[in-house]
PDB file of N, CA and C in Angstrom:
ATOM      1  N   MET A   1     -75.805 -78.123  -1.343  1.00  0.00           N
ATOM      2  CA  MET A   1     -75.913 -79.570  -1.361  1.00  0.00           C
ATOM      3  C   MET A   1     -76.972 -80.059  -0.381  1.00  0.00           C
ATOM      4  N   ILE A   2     -77.069 -79.414   0.774  1.00  0.00           N
ATOM      5  CA  ILE A   2     -78.061 -79.836   1.769  1.00  0.00           C
ATOM      6  C   ILE A   2     -79.478 -79.652   1.229  1.00  0.00           C
ATOM      7  N   ASN A   3     -79.703 -78.598   0.440  1.00  0.00           N
ATOM      8  CA  ASN A   3     -81.037 -78.375  -0.119  1.00  0.00           C
ATOM      9  C   ASN A   3     -81.437 -79.503  -1.060  1.00  0.00           C
ATOM     10  N   ILE A   4     -80.503 -79.962  -1.860  1.00  0.00           N
ATOM     11  CA  ILE A   4     -80.780 -81.068  -2.779  1.00  0.00           C
ATOM     12  C   ILE A   4     -81.113 -82.335  -2.001  1.00  0.00           C
ATOM     13  N   LEU A   5     -80.390 -82.590  -0.931  1.00  0.00           N
ATOM     14  CA  LEU A   5     -80.669 -83.762  -0.098  1.00  0.00           C
ATOM     15  C   LEU A   5     -82.029 -83.655   0.578  1.00  0.00           C
ATOM     16  N   LEU A   6     -82.395 -82.462   1.043  1.00  0.00           N
ATOM     17  CA  LEU A   6     -83.703 -82.268   1.670  1.00  0.00           C
ATOM     18  C   LEU A   6     -84.827 -82.551   0.681  1.00  0.00           C
ATOM     19  N   VAL A   7     -84.714 -82.003  -0.527  1.00  0.00           N
ATOM     20  CA  VAL A   7     -85.733 -82.238  -1.553  1.00  0.00           C
ATOM     21  C   VAL A   7     -85.762 -83.715  -1.935  1.00  0.00           C
ATOM     22  N   GLY A   8     -84.603 -84.310  -2.114  1.00  0.00           N
ATOM     23  CA  GLY A   8     -84.530 -85.717  -2.508  1.00  0.00           C
ATOM     24  C   GLY A   8     -85.108 -86.655  -1.469  1.00  0.00           C
ATOM     25  N   PHE A   9     -84.769 -86.442  -0.205  1.00  0.00           N
ATOM     26  CA  PHE A   9     -85.296 -87.312   0.844  1.00  0.00           C
ATOM     27  C   PHE A   9     -86.800 -87.104   1.016  1.00  0.00           C
ATOM     28  N   GLY A  10     -87.240 -85.844   0.964  1.00  0.00           N
ATOM     29  CA  GLY A  10     -88.675 -85.570   1.038  1.00  0.00           C
ATOM     30  C   GLY A  10     -89.419 -86.222  -0.109  1.00  0.00           C
ATOM     31  N   GLY A  11     -88.840 -86.149  -1.316  1.00  0.00           N
ATOM     32  CA  GLY A  11     -89.456 -86.782  -2.480  1.00  0.00           C
ATOM     33  C   GLY A  11     -89.528 -88.289  -2.339  1.00  0.00           C
ATOM     34  N   PHE A  12     -88.493 -88.884  -1.772  1.00  0.00           N
ATOM     35  CA  PHE A  12     -88.489 -90.328  -1.535  1.00  0.00           C
ATOM     36  C   PHE A  12     -89.635 -90.720  -0.607  1.00  0.00           C
ATOM     37  N   VAL A  13     -89.757 -90.014   0.510  1.00  0.00           N
ATOM     38  CA  VAL A  13     -90.809 -90.320   1.482  1.00  0.00           C
ATOM     39  C   VAL A  13     -92.188 -90.110   0.855  1.00  0.00           C
ATOM     40  N   GLY A  14     -92.369 -88.992   0.147  1.00  0.00           N
ATOM     41  CA  GLY A  14     -93.655 -88.701  -0.481  1.00  0.00           C
ATOM     42  C   GLY A  14     -94.033 -89.718  -1.538  1.00  0.00           C
ATOM     43  N   SER A  15     -93.068 -90.131  -2.343  1.00  0.00           N
ATOM     44  CA  SER A  15     -93.341 -91.106  -3.399  1.00  0.00           C
ATOM     45  C   SER A  15     -93.722 -92.467  -2.838  1.00  0.00           C
ATOM     46  N   VAL A  16     -93.019 -92.899  -1.814  1.00  0.00           N
ATOM     47  CA  VAL A  16     -93.340 -94.177  -1.180  1.00  0.00           C
ATOM     48  C   VAL A  16     -94.731 -94.115  -0.556  1.00  0.00           C
ATOM     49  N   LEU A  17     -95.044 -93.005   0.087  1.00  0.00           N
ATOM     50  CA  LEU A  17     -96.369 -92.854   0.695  1.00  0.00           C
ATOM     51  C   LEU A  17     -97.456 -92.789  -0.374  1.00  0.00           C
ATOM     52  N   ARG A  18     -97.183 -92.109  -1.502  1.00  0.00           N
ATOM     53  CA  ARG A  18     -98.159 -92.061  -2.596  1.00  0.00           C
ATOM     54  C   ARG A  18     -98.449 -93.467  -3.091  1.00  0.00           C
ATOM     55  N   TYR A  19     -97.424 -94.253  -3.308  1.00  0.00           N
ATOM     56  CA  TYR A  19     -97.589 -95.624  -3.774  1.00  0.00           C
ATOM     57  C   TYR A  19     -98.433 -96.431  -2.783  1.00  0.00           C
ATOM     58  N   THR A  20     -98.139 -96.285  -1.510  1.00  0.00           N
ATOM     59  CA  THR A  20     -98.831 -97.040  -0.467  1.00  0.00           C
ATOM     60  C   THR A  20    -100.288 -96.614  -0.339  1.00  0.00           C
ATOM     61  N   VAL A  21    -100.537 -95.320  -0.213  1.00  0.00           N
ATOM     62  CA  VAL A  21    -101.903 -94.813  -0.024  1.00  0.00           C
ATOM     63  C   VAL A  21    -102.747 -95.074  -1.264  1.00  0.00           C
ATOM     64  N   SER A  22    -102.202 -94.774  -2.432  1.00  0.00           N
ATOM     65  CA  SER A  22    -102.946 -94.970  -3.671  1.00  0.00           C
ATOM     66  C   SER A  22    -103.328 -96.436  -3.859  1.00  0.00           C
ATOM     67  N   GLY A  23    -102.391 -97.325  -3.636  1.00  0.00           N
ATOM     68  CA  GLY A  23    -102.673 -98.753  -3.760  1.00  0.00           C
ATOM     69  C   GLY A  23    -103.701 -99.234  -2.759  1.00  0.00           C
ATOM     70  N   TYR A  24    -103.593 -98.755  -1.528  1.00  0.00           N
ATOM     71  CA  TYR A  24    -104.544 -99.141  -0.487  1.00  0.00           C
ATOM     72  C   TYR A  24    -105.957 -98.686  -0.845  1.00  0.00           C
ATOM     73  N   VAL A  25    -106.086 -97.429  -1.258  1.00  0.00           N
ATOM     74  CA  VAL A  25    -107.410 -96.902  -1.610  1.00  0.00           C
ATOM     75  C   VAL A  25    -107.979 -97.666  -2.795  1.00  0.00           C
ATOM     76  N   GLN A  26    -107.181 -97.868  -3.829  1.00  0.00           N
ATOM     77  CA  GLN A  26    -107.673 -98.558  -5.022  1.00  0.00           C
ATOM     78  C   GLN A  26    -108.106 -99.982  -4.691  1.00  0.00           C
ATOM     79  N   GLN A  27    -107.341-100.662  -3.861  1.00  0.00           N
ATOM     80  CA  GLN A  27    -107.686-102.027  -3.467  1.00  0.00           C
ATOM     81  C   GLN A  27    -108.929-102.036  -2.584  1.00  0.00           C
ATOM     82  N   SER A  28    -109.069-101.051  -1.711  1.00  0.00           N
ATOM     83  CA  SER A  28    -110.227-100.980  -0.814  1.00  0.00           C
ATOM     84  C   SER A  28    -111.518-100.754  -1.576  1.00  0.00           C
ATOM     85  N   VAL A  29    -111.456 -99.944  -2.635  1.00  0.00           N
ATOM     86  CA  VAL A  29    -112.644 -99.670  -3.446  1.00  0.00           C
ATOM     87  C   VAL A  29    -113.017-100.903  -4.253  1.00  0.00           C
ATOM     88  N   GLY A  30    -112.014-101.632  -4.698  1.00  0.00           N
ATOM     89  CA  GLY A  30    -112.261-102.902  -5.372  1.00  0.00           C
ATOM     90  C   GLY A  30    -112.680-102.796  -6.824  1.00  0.00           C
ATOM     91  N   THR A  31    -112.436-101.669  -7.465  1.00  0.00           N
ATOM     92  CA  THR A  31    -112.764-101.531  -8.878  1.00  0.00           C
ATOM     93  C   THR A  31    -111.639-100.807  -9.591  1.00  0.00           C
ATOM     94  N   LEU A  32    -111.444-101.172 -10.839  1.00  0.00           N
ATOM     95  CA  LEU A  32    -110.423-100.508 -11.643  1.00  0.00           C
ATOM     96  C   LEU A  32    -111.052 -99.579 -12.677  1.00  0.00           C
ATOM     97  N   ASP A  33    -112.377 -99.332 -12.541  1.00  0.00           N
ATOM     98  CA  ASP A  33    -113.080 -98.489 -13.499  1.00  0.00           C
ATOM     99  C   ASP A  33    -112.720 -97.013 -13.380  1.00  0.00           C
ATOM    100  N   PHE A  34    -112.178 -96.608 -12.251  1.00  0.00           N
ATOM    101  CA  PHE A  34    -111.833 -95.203 -12.015  1.00  0.00           C
ATOM    102  C   PHE A  34    -110.602 -95.171 -11.121  1.00  0.00           C
ATOM    103  N   PRO A  35    -109.679 -94.251 -11.368  1.00  0.00           N
ATOM    104  CA  PRO A  35    -108.450 -94.192 -10.563  1.00  0.00           C
ATOM    105  C   PRO A  35    -108.667 -93.536  -9.197  1.00  0.00           C
ATOM    106  N   TYR A  36    -109.404 -94.234  -8.333  1.00  0.00           N
ATOM    107  CA  TYR A  36    -109.715 -93.687  -7.006  1.00  0.00           C
ATOM    108  C   TYR A  36    -108.459 -93.437  -6.174  1.00  0.00           C
ATOM    109  N   GLY A  37    -107.462 -94.288  -6.306  1.00  0.00           N
ATOM    110  CA  GLY A  37    -106.232 -94.106  -5.542  1.00  0.00           C
ATOM    111  C   GLY A  37    -105.523 -92.815  -5.905  1.00  0.00           C
ATOM    112  N   THR A  38    -105.436 -92.535  -7.198  1.00  0.00           N
ATOM    113  CA  THR A  38    -104.809 -91.291  -7.653  1.00  0.00           C
ATOM    114  C   THR A  38    -105.618 -90.090  -7.203  1.00  0.00           C
ATOM    115  N   LEU A  39    -106.926 -90.175  -7.341  1.00  0.00           N
ATOM    116  CA  LEU A  39    -107.788 -89.087  -6.877  1.00  0.00           C
ATOM    117  C   LEU A  39    -107.579 -88.844  -5.391  1.00  0.00           C
ATOM    118  N   ALA A  40    -107.494 -89.905  -4.619  1.00  0.00           N
ATOM    119  CA  ALA A  40    -107.329 -89.771  -3.166  1.00  0.00           C
ATOM    120  C   ALA A  40    -106.027 -89.060  -2.814  1.00  0.00           C
ATOM    121  N   VAL A  41    -104.913 -89.452  -3.435  1.00  0.00           N
ATOM    122  CA  VAL A  41    -103.649 -88.795  -3.093  1.00  0.00           C
ATOM    123  C   VAL A  41    -103.614 -87.361  -3.599  1.00  0.00           C
ATOM    124  N   ASN A  42    -104.242 -87.093  -4.746  1.00  0.00           N
ATOM    125  CA  ASN A  42    -104.278 -85.717  -5.237  1.00  0.00           C
ATOM    126  C   ASN A  42    -105.081 -84.816  -4.309  1.00  0.00           C
ATOM    127  N   VAL A  43    -106.247 -85.273  -3.887  1.00  0.00           N
ATOM    128  CA  VAL A  43    -107.081 -84.469  -2.989  1.00  0.00           C
ATOM    129  C   VAL A  43    -106.412 -84.330  -1.627  1.00  0.00           C
ATOM    130  N   LEU A  44    -105.867 -85.416  -1.106  1.00  0.00           N
ATOM    131  CA  LEU A  44    -105.174 -85.357   0.183  1.00  0.00           C
ATOM    132  C   LEU A  44    -103.966 -84.425   0.106  1.00  0.00           C
ATOM    133  N   GLY A  45    -103.210 -84.511  -0.970  1.00  0.00           N
ATOM    134  CA  GLY A  45    -102.067 -83.621  -1.156  1.00  0.00           C
ATOM    135  C   GLY A  45    -102.482 -82.164  -1.217  1.00  0.00           C
ATOM    136  N   CYS A  46    -103.605 -81.888  -1.891  1.00  0.00           N
ATOM    137  CA  CYS A  46    -104.118 -80.513  -1.948  1.00  0.00           C
ATOM    138  C   CYS A  46    -104.520 -80.030  -0.563  1.00  0.00           C
ATOM    139  N   PHE A  47    -105.174 -80.882   0.209  1.00  0.00           N
ATOM    140  CA  PHE A  47    -105.558 -80.489   1.566  1.00  0.00           C
ATOM    141  C   PHE A  47    -104.315 -80.203   2.406  1.00  0.00           C
ATOM    142  N   ILE A  48    -103.337 -81.085   2.335  1.00  0.00           N
ATOM    143  CA  ILE A  48    -102.123 -80.920   3.141  1.00  0.00           C
ATOM    144  C   ILE A  48    -101.389 -79.642   2.765  1.00  0.00           C
ATOM    145  N   ILE A  49    -101.228 -79.371   1.461  1.00  0.00           N
ATOM    146  CA  ILE A  49    -100.496 -78.164   1.073  1.00  0.00           C
ATOM    147  C   ILE A  49    -101.273 -76.906   1.449  1.00  0.00           C
ATOM    148  N   GLY A  50    -102.610 -76.973   1.382  1.00  0.00           N
ATOM    149  CA  GLY A  50    -103.412 -75.827   1.808  1.00  0.00           C
ATOM    150  C   GLY A  50    -103.281 -75.568   3.295  1.00  0.00           C
ATOM    151  N   PHE A  51    -103.384 -76.624   4.078  1.00  0.00           N
ATOM    152  CA  PHE A  51    -103.287 -76.515   5.535  1.00  0.00           C
ATOM    153  C   PHE A  51    -101.912 -76.007   5.952  1.00  0.00           C
ATOM    154  N   LEU A  52    -100.872 -76.610   5.395  1.00  0.00           N
ATOM    155  CA  LEU A  52     -99.511 -76.223   5.772  1.00  0.00           C
ATOM    156  C   LEU A  52     -99.136 -74.842   5.245  1.00  0.00           C
ATOM    157  N   SER A  53     -99.658 -74.465   4.076  1.00  0.00           N
ATOM    158  CA  SER A  53     -99.406 -73.115   3.557  1.00  0.00           C
ATOM    159  C   SER A  53    -100.002 -72.068   4.476  1.00  0.00           C
ATOM    160  N   GLN A  54    -101.198 -72.344   4.976  1.00  0.00           N
ATOM    161  CA  GLN A  54    -101.837 -71.411   5.908  1.00  0.00           C
ATOM    162  C   GLN A  54    -101.011 -71.284   7.183  1.00  0.00           C
ATOM    163  N   LEU A  55    -100.543 -72.409   7.701  1.00  0.00           N
ATOM    164  CA  LEU A  55     -99.678 -72.364   8.885  1.00  0.00           C
ATOM    165  C   LEU A  55     -98.408 -71.569   8.611  1.00  0.00           C
ATOM    166  N   ALA A  56     -97.822 -71.804   7.454  1.00  0.00           N
ATOM    167  CA  ALA A  56     -96.577 -71.113   7.103  1.00  0.00           C
ATOM    168  C   ALA A  56     -96.799 -69.613   6.989  1.00  0.00           C
ATOM    169  N   GLU A  57     -97.925 -69.211   6.396  1.00  0.00           N
ATOM    170  CA  GLU A  57     -98.196 -67.791   6.196  1.00  0.00           C
ATOM    171  C   GLU A  57     -98.643 -67.100   7.474  1.00  0.00           C
ATOM    172  N   SER A  58     -99.458 -67.771   8.267  1.00  0.00           N
ATOM    173  CA  SER A  58    -100.023 -67.108   9.447  1.00  0.00           C
ATOM    174  C   SER A  58     -99.125 -67.193  10.672  1.00  0.00           C
ATOM    175  N   ARG A  59     -98.356 -68.255  10.781  1.00  0.00           N
ATOM    176  CA  ARG A  59     -97.550 -68.447  11.995  1.00  0.00           C
ATOM    177  C   ARG A  59     -96.053 -68.546  11.732  1.00  0.00           C
ATOM    178  N   GLY A  60     -95.679 -68.594  10.477  1.00  0.00           N
ATOM    179  CA  GLY A  60     -94.263 -68.682  10.145  1.00  0.00           C
ATOM    180  C   GLY A  60     -93.571 -69.886  10.743  1.00  0.00           C
ATOM    181  N   VAL A  61     -94.241 -71.043  10.698  1.00  0.00           N
ATOM    182  CA  VAL A  61     -93.716 -72.228  11.373  1.00  0.00           C
ATOM    183  C   VAL A  61     -92.688 -73.011  10.556  1.00  0.00           C
ATOM    184  N   PHE A  62     -92.451 -72.613   9.312  1.00  0.00           N
ATOM    185  CA  PHE A  62     -91.517 -73.358   8.476  1.00  0.00           C
ATOM    186  C   PHE A  62     -90.272 -72.537   8.185  1.00  0.00           C
ATOM    187  N   THR A  63     -89.135 -73.168   8.347  1.00  0.00           N
ATOM    188  CA  THR A  63     -87.881 -72.563   7.895  1.00  0.00           C
ATOM    189  C   THR A  63     -87.775 -72.800   6.389  1.00  0.00           C
ATOM    190  N   SER A  64     -86.839 -72.152   5.743  1.00  0.00           N
ATOM    191  CA  SER A  64     -86.679 -72.379   4.304  1.00  0.00           C
ATOM    192  C   SER A  64     -86.294 -73.835   4.030  1.00  0.00           C
ATOM    193  N   GLU A  65     -85.532 -74.428   4.935  1.00  0.00           N
ATOM    194  CA  GLU A  65     -85.135 -75.828   4.760  1.00  0.00           C
ATOM    195  C   GLU A  65     -86.320 -76.773   4.931  1.00  0.00           C
ATOM    196  N   SER A  66     -87.159 -76.517   5.932  1.00  0.00           N
ATOM    197  CA  SER A  66     -88.308 -77.404   6.135  1.00  0.00           C
ATOM    198  C   SER A  66     -89.324 -77.241   5.007  1.00  0.00           C
ATOM    199  N   ARG A  67     -89.419 -76.041   4.433  1.00  0.00           N
ATOM    200  CA  ARG A  67     -90.300 -75.840   3.274  1.00  0.00           C
ATOM    201  C   ARG A  67     -89.802 -76.672   2.087  1.00  0.00           C
ATOM    202  N   LEU A  68     -88.497 -76.689   1.881  1.00  0.00           N
ATOM    203  CA  LEU A  68     -87.938 -77.506   0.799  1.00  0.00           C
ATOM    204  C   LEU A  68     -88.262 -78.979   1.004  1.00  0.00           C
ATOM    205  N   PHE A  69     -88.085 -79.463   2.230  1.00  0.00           N
ATOM    206  CA  PHE A  69     -88.360 -80.868   2.522  1.00  0.00           C
ATOM    207  C   PHE A  69     -89.844 -81.191   2.347  1.00  0.00           C
ATOM    208  N   VAL A  70     -90.718 -80.386   2.977  1.00  0.00           N
ATOM    209  CA  VAL A  70     -92.150 -80.700   3.001  1.00  0.00           C
ATOM    210  C   VAL A  70     -92.841 -80.345   1.687  1.00  0.00           C
ATOM    211  N   PHE A  71     -92.722 -79.091   1.250  1.00  0.00           N
ATOM    212  CA  PHE A  71     -93.490 -78.628   0.093  1.00  0.00           C
ATOM    213  C   PHE A  71     -92.907 -79.136  -1.230  1.00  0.00           C
ATOM    214  N   THR A  72     -91.616 -78.927  -1.429  1.00  0.00           N
ATOM    215  CA  THR A  72     -91.011 -79.313  -2.701  1.00  0.00           C
ATOM    216  C   THR A  72     -90.748 -80.814  -2.760  1.00  0.00           C
ATOM    217  N   GLY A  73     -90.162 -81.362  -1.716  1.00  0.00           N
ATOM    218  CA  GLY A  73     -89.805 -82.774  -1.713  1.00  0.00           C
ATOM    219  C   GLY A  73     -90.977 -83.695  -1.436  1.00  0.00           C
ATOM    220  N   PHE A  74     -91.472 -83.664  -0.191  1.00  0.00           N
ATOM    221  CA  PHE A  74     -92.519 -84.602   0.215  1.00  0.00           C
ATOM    222  C   PHE A  74     -93.781 -84.462  -0.631  1.00  0.00           C
ATOM    223  N   LEU A  75     -94.343 -83.254  -0.689  1.00  0.00           N
ATOM    224  CA  LEU A  75     -95.584 -83.088  -1.446  1.00  0.00           C
ATOM    225  C   LEU A  75     -95.350 -83.191  -2.949  1.00  0.00           C
ATOM    226  N   GLY A  76     -94.149 -82.816  -3.400  1.00  0.00           N
ATOM    227  CA  GLY A  76     -93.812 -83.021  -4.805  1.00  0.00           C
ATOM    228  C   GLY A  76     -93.762 -84.496  -5.159  1.00  0.00           C
ATOM    229  N   GLY A  77     -93.285 -85.314  -4.237  1.00  0.00           N
ATOM    230  CA  GLY A  77     -93.270 -86.758  -4.441  1.00  0.00           C
ATOM    231  C   GLY A  77     -94.640 -87.379  -4.239  1.00  0.00           C
ATOM    232  N   PHE A  78     -95.388 -86.839  -3.301  1.00  0.00           N
ATOM    233  CA  PHE A  78     -96.721 -87.376  -3.010  1.00  0.00           C
ATOM    234  C   PHE A  78     -97.677 -87.044  -4.143  1.00  0.00           C
ATOM    235  N   THR A  79     -97.654 -85.795  -4.612  1.00  0.00           N
ATOM    236  CA  THR A  79     -98.465 -85.386  -5.741  1.00  0.00           C
ATOM    237  C   THR A  79     -98.047 -84.021  -6.225  1.00  0.00           C
ATOM    238  N   THR A  80     -97.829 -83.877  -7.513  1.00  0.00           N
ATOM    239  CA  THR A  80     -97.553 -82.546  -8.039  1.00  0.00           C
ATOM    240  C   THR A  80     -98.843 -81.761  -8.194  1.00  0.00           C
ATOM    241  N   PHE A  81     -99.957 -82.438  -8.128  1.00  0.00           N
ATOM    242  CA  PHE A  81    -101.241 -81.758  -8.241  1.00  0.00           C
ATOM    243  C   PHE A  81    -101.458 -80.800  -7.081  1.00  0.00           C
ATOM    244  N   SER A  82    -100.882 -81.103  -5.932  1.00  0.00           N
ATOM    245  CA  SER A  82    -101.039 -80.213  -4.780  1.00  0.00           C
ATOM    246  C   SER A  82    -100.396 -78.857  -5.046  1.00  0.00           C
ATOM    247  N   SER A  83     -99.257 -78.830  -5.693  1.00  0.00           N
ATOM    248  CA  SER A  83     -98.615 -77.557  -6.043  1.00  0.00           C
ATOM    249  C   SER A  83     -99.471 -76.783  -7.032  1.00  0.00           C
ATOM    250  N   PHE A  84    -100.004 -77.468  -8.019  1.00  0.00           N
ATOM    251  CA  PHE A  84    -100.889 -76.836  -8.996  1.00  0.00           C
ATOM    252  C   PHE A  84    -102.097 -76.208  -8.303  1.00  0.00           C
ATOM    253  N   GLY A  85    -102.730 -76.946  -7.397  1.00  0.00           N
ATOM    254  CA  GLY A  85    -103.884 -76.418  -6.669  1.00  0.00           C
ATOM    255  C   GLY A  85    -103.524 -75.212  -5.826  1.00  0.00           C
ATOM    256  N   ASN A  86    -102.407 -75.283  -5.144  1.00  0.00           N
ATOM    257  CA  ASN A  86    -101.972 -74.182  -4.281  1.00  0.00           C
ATOM    258  C   ASN A  86    -101.632 -72.940  -5.104  1.00  0.00           C
ATOM    259  N   GLU A  87    -100.915 -73.117  -6.199  1.00  0.00           N
ATOM    260  CA  GLU A  87    -100.543 -71.977  -7.035  1.00  0.00           C
ATOM    261  C   GLU A  87    -101.767 -71.334  -7.671  1.00  0.00           C
ATOM    262  N   THR A  88    -102.727 -72.143  -8.096  1.00  0.00           N
ATOM    263  CA  THR A  88    -103.948 -71.602  -8.687  1.00  0.00           C
ATOM    264  C   THR A  88    -104.742 -70.817  -7.656  1.00  0.00           C
ATOM    265  N   LEU A  89    -104.867 -71.358  -6.449  1.00  0.00           N
ATOM    266  CA  LEU A  89    -105.583 -70.643  -5.395  1.00  0.00           C
ATOM    267  C   LEU A  89    -104.864 -69.354  -5.017  1.00  0.00           C
ATOM    268  N   ASN A  90    -103.544 -69.358  -5.028  1.00  0.00           N
ATOM    269  CA  ASN A  90    -102.791 -68.129  -4.761  1.00  0.00           C
ATOM    270  C   ASN A  90    -103.096 -67.068  -5.809  1.00  0.00           C
ATOM    271  N   LEU A  91    -103.238 -67.463  -7.068  1.00  0.00           N
ATOM    272  CA  LEU A  91    -103.601 -66.509  -8.116  1.00  0.00           C
ATOM    273  C   LEU A  91    -104.978 -65.916  -7.857  1.00  0.00           C
ATOM    274  N   VAL A  92    -105.939 -66.746  -7.465  1.00  0.00           N
ATOM    275  CA  VAL A  92    -107.285 -66.258  -7.143  1.00  0.00           C
ATOM    276  C   VAL A  92    -107.220 -65.301  -5.963  1.00  0.00           C
ATOM    277  N   ARG A  93    -106.500 -65.688  -4.927  1.00  0.00           N
ATOM    278  CA  ARG A  93    -106.359 -64.854  -3.735  1.00  0.00           C
ATOM    279  C   ARG A  93    -105.746 -63.499  -4.067  1.00  0.00           C
ATOM    280  N   ASP A  94    -104.824 -63.499  -5.019  1.00  0.00           N
ATOM    281  CA  ASP A  94    -104.137 -62.270  -5.409  1.00  0.00           C
ATOM    282  C   ASP A  94    -104.886 -61.510  -6.503  1.00  0.00           C
ATOM    283  N   SER A  95    -106.173 -61.806  -6.646  1.00  0.00           N
ATOM    284  CA  SER A  95    -107.057 -61.130  -7.613  1.00  0.00           C
ATOM    285  C   SER A  95    -106.582 -61.284  -9.057  1.00  0.00           C
ATOM    286  N   GLN A  96    -106.034 -62.431  -9.364  1.00  0.00           N
ATOM    287  CA  GLN A  96    -105.586 -62.728 -10.721  1.00  0.00           C
ATOM    288  C   GLN A  96    -106.414 -63.885 -11.284  1.00  0.00           C
ATOM    289  N   ALA A  97    -107.742 -63.686 -11.287  1.00  0.00           N
ATOM    290  CA  ALA A  97    -108.658 -64.749 -11.695  1.00  0.00           C
ATOM    291  C   ALA A  97    -108.394 -65.229 -13.119  1.00  0.00           C
ATOM    292  N   MET A  98    -108.101 -64.309 -14.028  1.00  0.00           N
ATOM    293  CA  MET A  98    -107.846 -64.724 -15.413  1.00  0.00           C
ATOM    294  C   MET A  98    -106.613 -65.627 -15.499  1.00  0.00           C
ATOM    295  N   ASN A  99    -105.579 -65.285 -14.744  1.00  0.00           N
ATOM    296  CA  ASN A  99    -104.392 -66.143 -14.724  1.00  0.00           C
ATOM    297  C   ASN A  99    -104.698 -67.489 -14.079  1.00  0.00           C
ATOM    298  N   ALA A 100    -105.564 -67.492 -13.071  1.00  0.00           N
ATOM    299  CA  ALA A 100    -105.955 -68.747 -12.431  1.00  0.00           C
ATOM    300  C   ALA A 100    -106.688 -69.648 -13.424  1.00  0.00           C
ATOM    301  N   PHE A 101    -107.658 -69.075 -14.154  1.00  0.00           N
ATOM    302  CA  PHE A 101    -108.384 -69.853 -15.153  1.00  0.00           C
ATOM    303  C   PHE A 101    -107.448 -70.322 -16.270  1.00  0.00           C
ATOM    304  N   ALA A 102    -106.525 -69.448 -16.668  1.00  0.00           N
ATOM    305  CA  ALA A 102    -105.556 -69.830 -17.698  1.00  0.00           C
ATOM    306  C   ALA A 102    -104.675 -70.974 -17.204  1.00  0.00           C
ATOM    307  N   ASN A 103    -104.292 -70.917 -15.934  1.00  0.00           N
ATOM    308  CA  ASN A 103    -103.467 -71.978 -15.356  1.00  0.00           C
ATOM    309  C   ASN A 103    -104.212 -73.310 -15.362  1.00  0.00           C
ATOM    310  N   VAL A 104    -105.480 -73.272 -14.960  1.00  0.00           N
ATOM    311  CA  VAL A 104    -106.295 -74.495 -14.950  1.00  0.00           C
ATOM    312  C   VAL A 104    -106.438 -75.037 -16.366  1.00  0.00           C
ATOM    313  N   GLY A 105    -106.833 -74.163 -17.285  1.00  0.00           N
ATOM    314  CA  GLY A 105    -107.029 -74.595 -18.664  1.00  0.00           C
ATOM    315  C   GLY A 105    -105.763 -75.120 -19.306  1.00  0.00           C
ATOM    316  N   ALA A 106    -104.667 -74.393 -19.104  1.00  0.00           N
ATOM    317  CA  ALA A 106    -103.404 -74.798 -19.716  1.00  0.00           C
ATOM    318  C   ALA A 106    -102.925 -76.132 -19.162  1.00  0.00           C
ATOM    319  N   ASN A 107    -103.005 -76.299 -17.847  1.00  0.00           N
ATOM    320  CA  ASN A 107    -102.565 -77.565 -17.258  1.00  0.00           C
ATOM    321  C   ASN A 107    -103.414 -78.723 -17.748  1.00  0.00           C
ATOM    322  N   LEU A 108    -104.712 -78.513 -17.834  1.00  0.00           N
ATOM    323  CA  LEU A 108    -105.602 -79.586 -18.269  1.00  0.00           C
ATOM    324  C   LEU A 108    -105.389 -79.907 -19.744  1.00  0.00           C
ATOM    325  N   VAL A 109    -105.514 -78.893 -20.591  1.00  0.00           N
ATOM    326  CA  VAL A 109    -105.442 -79.126 -22.034  1.00  0.00           C
ATOM    327  C   VAL A 109    -104.037 -79.543 -22.466  1.00  0.00           C
ATOM    328  N   ILE A 110    -103.034 -78.775 -22.056  1.00  0.00           N
ATOM    329  CA  ILE A 110    -101.670 -79.092 -22.475  1.00  0.00           C
ATOM    330  C   ILE A 110    -101.201 -80.397 -21.831  1.00  0.00           C
ATOM    331  N   GLY A 111    -101.590 -80.610 -20.571  1.00  0.00           N
ATOM    332  CA  GLY A 111    -101.220 -81.850 -19.896  1.00  0.00           C
ATOM    333  C   GLY A 111    -101.806 -83.071 -20.582  1.00  0.00           C
ATOM    334  N   LEU A 112    -103.096 -83.013 -20.918  1.00  0.00           N
ATOM    335  CA  LEU A 112    -103.722 -84.138 -21.619  1.00  0.00           C
ATOM    336  C   LEU A 112    -103.115 -84.329 -23.004  1.00  0.00           C
ATOM    337  N   PHE A 113    -102.831 -83.216 -23.685  1.00  0.00           N
ATOM    338  CA  PHE A 113    -102.191 -83.306 -24.995  1.00  0.00           C
ATOM    339  C   PHE A 113    -100.816 -83.962 -24.879  1.00  0.00           C
ATOM    340  N   ALA A 114    -100.061 -83.583 -23.853  1.00  0.00           N
ATOM    341  CA  ALA A 114     -98.727 -84.153 -23.660  1.00  0.00           C
ATOM    342  C   ALA A 114     -98.808 -85.652 -23.387  1.00  0.00           C
ATOM    343  N   VAL A 115     -99.802 -86.071 -22.604  1.00  0.00           N
ATOM    344  CA  VAL A 115     -99.990 -87.505 -22.360  1.00  0.00           C
ATOM    345  C   VAL A 115    -100.321 -88.209 -23.673  1.00  0.00           C
ATOM    346  N   TRP A 116    -101.249 -87.625 -24.437  1.00  0.00           N
ATOM    347  CA  TRP A 116    -101.614 -88.206 -25.727  1.00  0.00           C
ATOM    348  C   TRP A 116    -100.397 -88.292 -26.638  1.00  0.00           C
ATOM    349  N   LEU A 117     -99.630 -87.192 -26.705  1.00  0.00           N
ATOM    350  CA  LEU A 117     -98.445 -87.145 -27.551  1.00  0.00           C
ATOM    351  C   LEU A 117     -97.429 -88.204 -27.125  1.00  0.00           C
ATOM    352  N   GLY A 118     -97.258 -88.341 -25.830  1.00  0.00           N
ATOM    353  CA  GLY A 118     -96.327 -89.338 -25.324  1.00  0.00           C
ATOM    354  C   GLY A 118     -96.759 -90.763 -25.611  1.00  0.00           C
ATOM    355  N   ARG A 119     -98.062 -90.961 -25.726  1.00  0.00           N
ATOM    356  CA  ARG A 119     -98.582 -92.314 -25.965  1.00  0.00           C
ATOM    357  C   ARG A 119     -98.634 -92.676 -27.441  1.00  0.00           C
ATOM    358  N   THR A 120     -98.493 -91.665 -28.308  1.00  0.00           N
ATOM    359  CA  THR A 120     -98.598 -91.957 -29.749  1.00  0.00           C
ATOM    360  C   THR A 120     -97.244 -92.131 -30.388  1.00  0.00           C
TER     361      THR A 120
END
């Protein structure tokens, strides 16, 4: 039960921050021609998950509970794109380039298709 609460609270914080940061960036740019706010949170989320993953791997600074809160909850709420970026880079690091390319292609093509399907 505690794990579910950790993920849920982390997701709440991440989602609220995504809404705030994305809106601020989009308003600051002053144009609706491109989703700059979404791009900003996706890139920031990727940077954060990369930085924290390195800390976790090199220094072991995260407990399993804090990983659930930060990686699954907070970053999952802030952006799911950060998990996609981290998992793809892990495939490249593990010499699984074909799987990395397949992951990128599948997420892009199937994801766009799913959005299209949902909109039709």
